[in-house]
Amino acid sequence: MSNLQPQVQDHLNQILQHFGPLLAQALIYNIGGHAARSELDKLSEPIRKLVVRHPQVKGWLEGALYADTFPSQHVGEQEKKVWLMKVMG
């Protein structure tokens, strides 16, 4: 995205700033138990791109992992913490 005009890049950043937390929540909701195993590869690509391009994604993912809307009660805080560390690493 670095080859975009600065004005376009600014607009995209504003959009992502607004919708990024919702996108992270949707991705985590699906990864947390509502997606089929066969869909997990497709979900990992947007997460990978977000992690590489947007430093604030860690907060978005963390918020989604620890939100009341997280779909599985079988995943503990330690597992969530380890997953987040691996994704961000």
PDB file of N, CA and C in Angstrom:
ATOM      1  N   MET A   1       0.809  -1.197   0.000  1.00  0.00           N
ATOM      2  CA  MET A   1       0.000   0.000   0.000  1.00  0.00           C
ATOM      3  C   MET A   1       0.851   1.259   0.000  1.00  0.00           C
ATOM      4  N   SER A   2       2.145   1.121   0.101  1.00  0.00           N
ATOM      5  CA  SER A   2       3.013   2.287   0.177  1.00  0.00           C
ATOM      6  C   SER A   2       3.108   3.025  -1.155  1.00  0.00           C
ATOM      7  N   ASN A   3       2.648   2.430  -2.248  1.00  0.00           N
ATOM      8  CA  ASN A   3       2.706   3.098  -3.532  1.00  0.00           C
ATOM      9  C   ASN A   3       1.464   3.945  -3.820  1.00  0.00           C
ATOM     10  N   LEU A   4       0.587   4.084  -2.859  1.00  0.00           N
ATOM     11  CA  LEU A   4      -0.614   4.901  -3.009  1.00  0.00           C
ATOM     12  C   LEU A   4      -0.302   6.373  -2.773  1.00  0.00           C
ATOM     13  N   GLN A   5      -1.130   7.217  -3.340  1.00  0.00           N
ATOM     14  CA  GLN A   5      -0.984   8.643  -3.091  1.00  0.00           C
ATOM     15  C   GLN A   5      -1.197   8.908  -1.611  1.00  0.00           C
ATOM     16  N   PRO A   6      -0.500   9.897  -1.053  1.00  0.00           N
ATOM     17  CA  PRO A   6      -0.617  10.172   0.390  1.00  0.00           C
ATOM     18  C   PRO A   6      -2.057  10.419   0.850  1.00  0.00           C
ATOM     19  N   GLN A   7      -2.836  11.111   0.046  1.00  0.00           N
ATOM     20  CA  GLN A   7      -4.223  11.394   0.431  1.00  0.00           C
ATOM     21  C   GLN A   7      -5.036  10.098   0.512  1.00  0.00           C
ATOM     22  N   VAL A   8      -4.839   9.211  -0.440  1.00  0.00           N
ATOM     23  CA  VAL A   8      -5.545   7.932  -0.442  1.00  0.00           C
ATOM     24  C   VAL A   8      -5.090   7.099   0.754  1.00  0.00           C
ATOM     25  N   GLN A   9      -3.778   7.080   1.010  1.00  0.00           N
ATOM     26  CA  GLN A   9      -3.247   6.337   2.142  1.00  0.00           C
ATOM     27  C   GLN A   9      -3.811   6.867   3.454  1.00  0.00           C
ATOM     28  N   ASP A  10      -3.934   8.183   3.591  1.00  0.00           N
ATOM     29  CA  ASP A  10      -4.515   8.768   4.795  1.00  0.00           C
ATOM     30  C   ASP A  10      -5.962   8.327   4.988  1.00  0.00           C
ATOM     31  N   HIS A  11      -6.725   8.315   3.899  1.00  0.00           N
ATOM     32  CA  HIS A  11      -8.123   7.878   3.992  1.00  0.00           C
ATOM     33  C   HIS A  11      -8.205   6.407   4.400  1.00  0.00           C
ATOM     34  N   LEU A  12      -7.353   5.579   3.809  1.00  0.00           N
ATOM     35  CA  LEU A  12      -7.352   4.162   4.177  1.00  0.00           C
ATOM     36  C   LEU A  12      -6.975   3.970   5.644  1.00  0.00           C
ATOM     37  N   ASN A  13      -6.017   4.730   6.115  1.00  0.00           N
ATOM     38  CA  ASN A  13      -5.617   4.635   7.524  1.00  0.00           C
ATOM     39  C   ASN A  13      -6.756   5.050   8.448  1.00  0.00           C
ATOM     40  N   GLN A  14      -7.493   6.091   8.072  1.00  0.00           N
ATOM     41  CA  GLN A  14      -8.631   6.533   8.880  1.00  0.00           C
ATOM     42  C   GLN A  14      -9.724   5.461   8.913  1.00  0.00           C
ATOM     43  N   ILE A  15      -9.971   4.855   7.773  1.00  0.00           N
ATOM     44  CA  ILE A  15     -10.978   3.796   7.705  1.00  0.00           C
ATOM     45  C   ILE A  15     -10.558   2.615   8.572  1.00  0.00           C
ATOM     46  N   LEU A  16      -9.301   2.232   8.460  1.00  0.00           N
ATOM     47  CA  LEU A  16      -8.819   1.107   9.252  1.00  0.00           C
ATOM     48  C   LEU A  16      -8.816   1.438  10.742  1.00  0.00           C
ATOM     49  N   GLN A  17      -8.492   2.666  11.083  1.00  0.00           N
ATOM     50  CA  GLN A  17      -8.519   3.075  12.480  1.00  0.00           C
ATOM     51  C   GLN A  17      -9.932   2.931  13.051  1.00  0.00           C
ATOM     52  N   HIS A  18     -10.911   3.254  12.236  1.00  0.00           N
ATOM     53  CA  HIS A  18     -12.304   3.176  12.677  1.00  0.00           C
ATOM     54  C   HIS A  18     -12.799   1.722  12.723  1.00  0.00           C
ATOM     55  N   PHE A  19     -12.531   0.968  11.660  1.00  0.00           N
ATOM     56  CA  PHE A  19     -13.081  -0.384  11.547  1.00  0.00           C
ATOM     57  C   PHE A  19     -12.130  -1.485  12.001  1.00  0.00           C
ATOM     58  N   GLY A  20     -10.884  -1.156  12.283  1.00  0.00           N
ATOM     59  CA  GLY A  20      -9.902  -2.158  12.688  1.00  0.00           C
ATOM     60  C   GLY A  20     -10.324  -2.987  13.885  1.00  0.00           C
ATOM     61  N   PRO A  21     -10.800  -2.361  14.965  1.00  0.00           N
ATOM     62  CA  PRO A  21     -11.244  -3.164  16.119  1.00  0.00           C
ATOM     63  C   PRO A  21     -12.395  -4.110  15.782  1.00  0.00           C
ATOM     64  N   LEU A  22     -13.309  -3.669  14.928  1.00  0.00           N
ATOM     65  CA  LEU A  22     -14.422  -4.536  14.527  1.00  0.00           C
ATOM     66  C   LEU A  22     -13.930  -5.686  13.653  1.00  0.00           C
ATOM     67  N   LEU A  23     -12.977  -5.406  12.784  1.00  0.00           N
ATOM     68  CA  LEU A  23     -12.394  -6.443  11.951  1.00  0.00           C
ATOM     69  C   LEU A  23     -11.672  -7.468  12.822  1.00  0.00           C
ATOM     70  N   ALA A  24     -10.894  -6.989  13.778  1.00  0.00           N
ATOM     71  CA  ALA A  24     -10.187  -7.897  14.686  1.00  0.00           C
ATOM     72  C   ALA A  24     -11.177  -8.751  15.469  1.00  0.00           C
ATOM     73  N   GLN A  25     -12.245  -8.148  15.917  1.00  0.00           N
ATOM     74  CA  GLN A  25     -13.257  -8.895  16.673  1.00  0.00           C
ATOM     75  C   GLN A  25     -13.886  -9.984  15.802  1.00  0.00           C
ATOM     76  N   ALA A  26     -14.180  -9.668  14.553  1.00  0.00           N
ATOM     77  CA  ALA A  26     -14.775 -10.662  13.652  1.00  0.00           C
ATOM     78  C   ALA A  26     -13.792 -11.797  13.374  1.00  0.00           C
ATOM     79  N   LEU A  27     -12.532 -11.459  13.168  1.00  0.00           N
ATOM     80  CA  LEU A  27     -11.525 -12.485  12.908  1.00  0.00           C
ATOM     81  C   LEU A  27     -11.346 -13.398  14.124  1.00  0.00           C
ATOM     82  N   ILE A  28     -11.236 -12.803  15.309  1.00  0.00           N
ATOM     83  CA  ILE A  28     -11.057 -13.589  16.533  1.00  0.00           C
ATOM     84  C   ILE A  28     -12.291 -14.434  16.827  1.00  0.00           C
ATOM     85  N   TYR A  29     -13.454 -13.896  16.584  1.00  0.00           N
ATOM     86  CA  TYR A  29     -14.694 -14.641  16.798  1.00  0.00           C
ATOM     87  C   TYR A  29     -14.697 -15.916  15.965  1.00  0.00           C
ATOM     88  N   ASN A  30     -14.266 -15.799  14.716  1.00  0.00           N
ATOM     89  CA  ASN A  30     -14.231 -16.967  13.839  1.00  0.00           C
ATOM     90  C   ASN A  30     -13.102 -17.918  14.203  1.00  0.00           C
ATOM     91  N   ILE A  31     -11.932 -17.392  14.480  1.00  0.00           N
ATOM     92  CA  ILE A  31     -10.810 -18.242  14.865  1.00  0.00           C
ATOM     93  C   ILE A  31     -11.090 -18.929  16.195  1.00  0.00           C
ATOM     94  N   GLY A  32     -11.811 -18.246  17.066  1.00  0.00           N
ATOM     95  CA  GLY A  32     -12.108 -18.783  18.388  1.00  0.00           C
ATOM     96  C   GLY A  32     -13.127 -19.898  18.422  1.00  0.00           C
ATOM     97  N   GLY A  33     -13.664 -20.281  17.288  1.00  0.00           N
ATOM     98  CA  GLY A  33     -14.562 -21.414  17.309  1.00  0.00           C
ATOM     99  C   GLY A  33     -15.701 -21.408  16.316  1.00  0.00           C
ATOM    100  N   HIS A  34     -15.888 -20.324  15.590  1.00  0.00           N
ATOM    101  CA  HIS A  34     -17.034 -20.285  14.676  1.00  0.00           C
ATOM    102  C   HIS A  34     -16.672 -20.524  13.220  1.00  0.00           C
ATOM    103  N   ALA A  35     -15.419 -20.748  12.947  1.00  0.00           N
ATOM    104  CA  ALA A  35     -15.014 -21.070  11.574  1.00  0.00           C
ATOM    105  C   ALA A  35     -14.654 -22.543  11.499  1.00  0.00           C
ATOM    106  N   ALA A  36     -14.866 -23.104  10.355  1.00  0.00           N
ATOM    107  CA  ALA A  36     -14.441 -24.488  10.129  1.00  0.00           C
ATOM    108  C   ALA A  36     -12.916 -24.522  10.037  1.00  0.00           C
ATOM    109  N   ARG A  37     -12.345 -25.646  10.385  1.00  0.00           N
ATOM    110  CA  ARG A  37     -10.884 -25.777  10.313  1.00  0.00           C
ATOM    111  C   ARG A  37     -10.363 -25.449   8.923  1.00  0.00           C
ATOM    112  N   SER A  38     -11.112 -25.801   7.912  1.00  0.00           N
ATOM    113  CA  SER A  38     -10.686 -25.543   6.539  1.00  0.00           C
ATOM    114  C   SER A  38     -10.646 -24.048   6.215  1.00  0.00           C
ATOM    115  N   GLU A  39     -11.309 -23.226   7.000  1.00  0.00           N
ATOM    116  CA  GLU A  39     -11.340 -21.781   6.772  1.00  0.00           C
ATOM    117  C   GLU A  39     -10.249 -21.030   7.519  1.00  0.00           C
ATOM    118  N   LEU A  40      -9.549 -21.688   8.434  1.00  0.00           N
ATOM    119  CA  LEU A  40      -8.566 -20.997   9.269  1.00  0.00           C
ATOM    120  C   LEU A  40      -7.415 -20.416   8.465  1.00  0.00           C
ATOM    121  N   ASP A  41      -6.989 -21.095   7.407  1.00  0.00           N
ATOM    122  CA  ASP A  41      -5.925 -20.539   6.565  1.00  0.00           C
ATOM    123  C   ASP A  41      -6.361 -19.221   5.933  1.00  0.00           C
ATOM    124  N   LYS A  42      -7.601 -19.154   5.522  1.00  0.00           N
ATOM    125  CA  LYS A  42      -8.122 -17.926   4.907  1.00  0.00           C
ATOM    126  C   LYS A  42      -8.223 -16.794   5.924  1.00  0.00           C
ATOM    127  N   LEU A  43      -8.455 -17.129   7.178  1.00  0.00           N
ATOM    128  CA  LEU A  43      -8.548 -16.112   8.223  1.00  0.00           C
ATOM    129  C   LEU A  43      -7.173 -15.631   8.671  1.00  0.00           C
ATOM    130  N   SER A  44      -6.176 -16.468   8.523  1.00  0.00           N
ATOM    131  CA  SER A  44      -4.839 -16.077   8.985  1.00  0.00           C
ATOM    132  C   SER A  44      -4.200 -15.024   8.086  1.00  0.00           C
ATOM    133  N   GLU A  45      -4.542 -15.011   6.821  1.00  0.00           N
ATOM    134  CA  GLU A  45      -3.941 -14.045   5.896  1.00  0.00           C
ATOM    135  C   GLU A  45      -4.256 -12.593   6.267  1.00  0.00           C
ATOM    136  N   PRO A  46      -5.517 -12.239   6.533  1.00  0.00           N
ATOM    137  CA  PRO A  46      -5.782 -10.853   6.935  1.00  0.00           C
ATOM    138  C   PRO A  46      -5.096 -10.483   8.254  1.00  0.00           C
ATOM    139  N   ILE A  47      -5.013 -11.433   9.173  1.00  0.00           N
ATOM    140  CA  ILE A  47      -4.333 -11.155  10.438  1.00  0.00           C
ATOM    141  C   ILE A  47      -2.856 -10.885  10.178  1.00  0.00           C
ATOM    142  N   ARG A  48      -2.250 -11.705   9.336  1.00  0.00           N
ATOM    143  CA  ARG A  48      -0.839 -11.523   9.007  1.00  0.00           C
ATOM    144  C   ARG A  48      -0.595 -10.139   8.403  1.00  0.00           C
ATOM    145  N   LYS A  49      -1.436  -9.727   7.487  1.00  0.00           N
ATOM    146  CA  LYS A  49      -1.262  -8.419   6.849  1.00  0.00           C
ATOM    147  C   LYS A  49      -1.479  -7.281   7.845  1.00  0.00           C
ATOM    148  N   LEU A  50      -2.448  -7.429   8.716  1.00  0.00           N
ATOM    149  CA  LEU A  50      -2.675  -6.405   9.732  1.00  0.00           C
ATOM    150  C   LEU A  50      -1.478  -6.278  10.662  1.00  0.00           C
ATOM    151  N   VAL A  51      -0.934  -7.393  11.084  1.00  0.00           N
ATOM    152  CA  VAL A  51       0.198  -7.381  12.015  1.00  0.00           C
ATOM    153  C   VAL A  51       1.410  -6.699  11.377  1.00  0.00           C
ATOM    154  N   VAL A  52       1.641  -6.976  10.117  1.00  0.00           N
ATOM    155  CA  VAL A  52       2.799  -6.409   9.428  1.00  0.00           C
ATOM    156  C   VAL A  52       2.635  -4.909   9.190  1.00  0.00           C
ATOM    157  N   ARG A  53       1.442  -4.477   8.887  1.00  0.00           N
ATOM    158  CA  ARG A  53       1.236  -3.093   8.437  1.00  0.00           C
ATOM    159  C   ARG A  53       0.714  -2.125   9.491  1.00  0.00           C
ATOM    160  N   HIS A  54       0.131  -2.632  10.553  1.00  0.00           N
ATOM    161  CA  HIS A  54      -0.524  -1.738  11.507  1.00  0.00           C
ATOM    162  C   HIS A  54      -0.149  -2.101  12.941  1.00  0.00           C
ATOM    163  N   PRO A  55       0.707  -1.321  13.561  1.00  0.00           N
ATOM    164  CA  PRO A  55       1.167  -1.642  14.912  1.00  0.00           C
ATOM    165  C   PRO A  55       0.054  -1.671  15.965  1.00  0.00           C
ATOM    166  N   GLN A  56      -1.005  -0.939  15.757  1.00  0.00           N
ATOM    167  CA  GLN A  56      -2.090  -0.892  16.743  1.00  0.00           C
ATOM    168  C   GLN A  56      -2.940  -2.159  16.747  1.00  0.00           C
ATOM    169  N   VAL A  57      -2.666  -3.094  15.837  1.00  0.00           N
ATOM    170  CA  VAL A  57      -3.462  -4.310  15.752  1.00  0.00           C
ATOM    171  C   VAL A  57      -3.323  -5.170  17.021  1.00  0.00           C
ATOM    172  N   LYS A  58      -2.217  -5.077  17.719  1.00  0.00           N
ATOM    173  CA  LYS A  58      -2.060  -5.871  18.942  1.00  0.00           C
ATOM    174  C   LYS A  58      -3.162  -5.529  19.940  1.00  0.00           C
ATOM    175  N   GLY A  59      -3.437  -4.268  20.111  1.00  0.00           N
ATOM    176  CA  GLY A  59      -4.506  -3.852  21.011  1.00  0.00           C
ATOM    177  C   GLY A  59      -5.871  -4.301  20.533  1.00  0.00           C
ATOM    178  N   TRP A  60      -6.071  -4.259  19.236  1.00  0.00           N
ATOM    179  CA  TRP A  60      -7.358  -4.700  18.681  1.00  0.00           C
ATOM    180  C   TRP A  60      -7.568  -6.186  18.923  1.00  0.00           C
ATOM    181  N   LEU A  61      -6.533  -6.982  18.637  1.00  0.00           N
ATOM    182  CA  LEU A  61      -6.643  -8.433  18.828  1.00  0.00           C
ATOM    183  C   LEU A  61      -6.793  -8.785  20.301  1.00  0.00           C
ATOM    184  N   GLU A  62      -6.039  -8.101  21.128  1.00  0.00           N
ATOM    185  CA  GLU A  62      -6.123  -8.344  22.570  1.00  0.00           C
ATOM    186  C   GLU A  62      -7.523  -8.032  23.092  1.00  0.00           C
ATOM    187  N   GLY A  63      -8.066  -6.917  22.655  1.00  0.00           N
ATOM    188  CA  GLY A  63      -9.426  -6.560  23.060  1.00  0.00           C
ATOM    189  C   GLY A  63     -10.446  -7.598  22.622  1.00  0.00           C
ATOM    190  N   ALA A  64     -10.266  -8.123  21.414  1.00  0.00           N
ATOM    191  CA  ALA A  64     -11.193  -9.133  20.902  1.00  0.00           C
ATOM    192  C   ALA A  64     -11.028 -10.463  21.636  1.00  0.00           C
ATOM    193  N   LEU A  65      -9.793 -10.815  21.970  1.00  0.00           N
ATOM    194  CA  LEU A  65      -9.556 -12.078  22.676  1.00  0.00           C
ATOM    195  C   LEU A  65     -10.182 -12.088  24.062  1.00  0.00           C
ATOM    196  N   TYR A  66     -10.139 -10.952  24.736  1.00  0.00           N
ATOM    197  CA  TYR A  66     -10.619 -10.899  26.116  1.00  0.00           C
ATOM    198  C   TYR A  66     -12.031 -10.325  26.246  1.00  0.00           C
ATOM    199  N   ALA A  67     -12.682 -10.095  25.121  1.00  0.00           N
ATOM    200  CA  ALA A  67     -14.054  -9.577  25.149  1.00  0.00           C
ATOM    201  C   ALA A  67     -15.030 -10.668  25.568  1.00  0.00           C
ATOM    202  N   ASP A  68     -16.165 -10.250  26.059  1.00  0.00           N
ATOM    203  CA  ASP A  68     -17.218 -11.187  26.449  1.00  0.00           C
ATOM    204  C   ASP A  68     -17.769 -11.963  25.254  1.00  0.00           C
ATOM    205  N   THR A  69     -17.530 -11.451  24.060  1.00  0.00           N
ATOM    206  CA  THR A  69     -18.055 -12.097  22.855  1.00  0.00           C
ATOM    207  C   THR A  69     -17.162 -13.217  22.340  1.00  0.00           C
ATOM    208  N   PHE A  70     -16.017 -13.468  23.012  1.00  0.00           N
ATOM    209  CA  PHE A  70     -15.154 -14.564  22.574  1.00  0.00           C
ATOM    210  C   PHE A  70     -15.957 -15.854  22.647  1.00  0.00           C
ATOM    211  N   PRO A  71     -15.993 -16.629  21.558  1.00  0.00           N
ATOM    212  CA  PRO A  71     -16.959 -17.731  21.474  1.00  0.00           C
ATOM    213  C   PRO A  71     -16.676 -18.975  22.309  1.00  0.00           C
ATOM    214  N   SER A  72     -15.462 -19.176  22.746  1.00  0.00           N
ATOM    215  CA  SER A  72     -15.162 -20.416  23.466  1.00  0.00           C
ATOM    216  C   SER A  72     -14.832 -20.141  24.922  1.00  0.00           C
ATOM    217  N   GLN A  73     -15.426 -20.921  25.789  1.00  0.00           N
ATOM    218  CA  GLN A  73     -15.110 -20.816  27.210  1.00  0.00           C
ATOM    219  C   GLN A  73     -14.056 -21.849  27.608  1.00  0.00           C
ATOM    220  N   HIS A  74     -13.573 -22.606  26.622  1.00  0.00           N
ATOM    221  CA  HIS A  74     -12.573 -23.639  26.870  1.00  0.00           C
ATOM    222  C   HIS A  74     -11.150 -23.136  26.639  1.00  0.00           C
ATOM    223  N   VAL A  75     -11.016 -21.872  26.276  1.00  0.00           N
ATOM    224  CA  VAL A  75      -9.700 -21.286  26.037  1.00  0.00           C
ATOM    225  C   VAL A  75      -9.405 -20.334  27.187  1.00  0.00           C
ATOM    226  N   GLY A  76      -8.335 -20.614  27.897  1.00  0.00           N
ATOM    227  CA  GLY A  76      -7.983 -19.798  29.050  1.00  0.00           C
ATOM    228  C   GLY A  76      -7.160 -18.578  28.683  1.00  0.00           C
ATOM    229  N   GLU A  77      -6.959 -17.729  29.676  1.00  0.00           N
ATOM    230  CA  GLU A  77      -6.198 -16.502  29.451  1.00  0.00           C
ATOM    231  C   GLU A  77      -4.768 -16.782  29.029  1.00  0.00           C
ATOM    232  N   GLN A  78      -4.170 -17.822  29.591  1.00  0.00           N
ATOM    233  CA  GLN A  78      -2.788 -18.149  29.231  1.00  0.00           C
ATOM    234  C   GLN A  78      -2.692 -18.548  27.753  1.00  0.00           C
ATOM    235  N   GLU A  79      -3.626 -19.347  27.272  1.00  0.00           N
ATOM    236  CA  GLU A  79      -3.617 -19.746  25.861  1.00  0.00           C
ATOM    237  C   GLU A  79      -3.813 -18.535  24.953  1.00  0.00           C
ATOM    238  N   LYS A  80      -4.687 -17.628  25.353  1.00  0.00           N
ATOM    239  CA  LYS A  80      -4.906 -16.417  24.563  1.00  0.00           C
ATOM    240  C   LYS A  80      -3.641 -15.568  24.522  1.00  0.00           C
ATOM    241  N   LYS A  81      -2.987 -15.465  25.658  1.00  0.00           N
ATOM    242  CA  LYS A  81      -1.759 -14.677  25.748  1.00  0.00           C
ATOM    243  C   LYS A  81      -0.667 -15.272  24.866  1.00  0.00           C
ATOM    244  N   VAL A  82      -0.506 -16.582  24.906  1.00  0.00           N
ATOM    245  CA  VAL A  82       0.497 -17.259  24.085  1.00  0.00           C
ATOM    246  C   VAL A  82       0.171 -17.093  22.611  1.00  0.00           C
ATOM    247  N   TRP A  83      -1.079 -17.266  22.244  1.00  0.00           N
ATOM    248  CA  TRP A  83      -1.479 -17.093  20.841  1.00  0.00           C
ATOM    249  C   TRP A  83      -1.153 -15.693  20.359  1.00  0.00           C
ATOM    250  N   LEU A  84      -1.496 -14.694  21.148  1.00  0.00           N
ATOM    251  CA  LEU A  84      -1.233 -13.314  20.760  1.00  0.00           C
ATOM    252  C   LEU A  84       0.263 -13.054  20.619  1.00  0.00           C
ATOM    253  N   MET A  85       1.060 -13.574  21.526  1.00  0.00           N
ATOM    254  CA  MET A  85       2.510 -13.403  21.441  1.00  0.00           C
ATOM    255  C   MET A  85       3.062 -14.050  20.163  1.00  0.00           C
ATOM    256  N   LYS A  86       2.554 -15.225  19.817  1.00  0.00           N
ATOM    257  CA  LYS A  86       3.008 -15.902  18.594  1.00  0.00           C
ATOM    258  C   LYS A  86       2.598 -15.141  17.351  1.00  0.00           C
ATOM    259  N   VAL A  87       1.395 -14.632  17.338  1.00  0.00           N
ATOM    260  CA  VAL A  87       0.907 -13.895  16.176  1.00  0.00           C
ATOM    261  C   VAL A  87       1.702 -12.594  15.991  1.00  0.00           C
ATOM    262  N   MET A  88       1.959 -11.924  17.079  1.00  0.00           N
ATOM    263  CA  MET A  88       2.683 -10.653  17.004  1.00  0.00           C
ATOM    264  C   MET A  88       4.184 -10.856  16.755  1.00  0.00           C
ATOM    265  N   GLY A  89       4.690 -12.046  17.087  1.00  0.00           N
ATOM    266  CA  GLY A  89       6.114 -12.315  16.907  1.00  0.00           C
ATOM    267  C   GLY A  89       6.409 -12.649  15.500  1.00  0.00           C
TER     268      GLY A  89
END
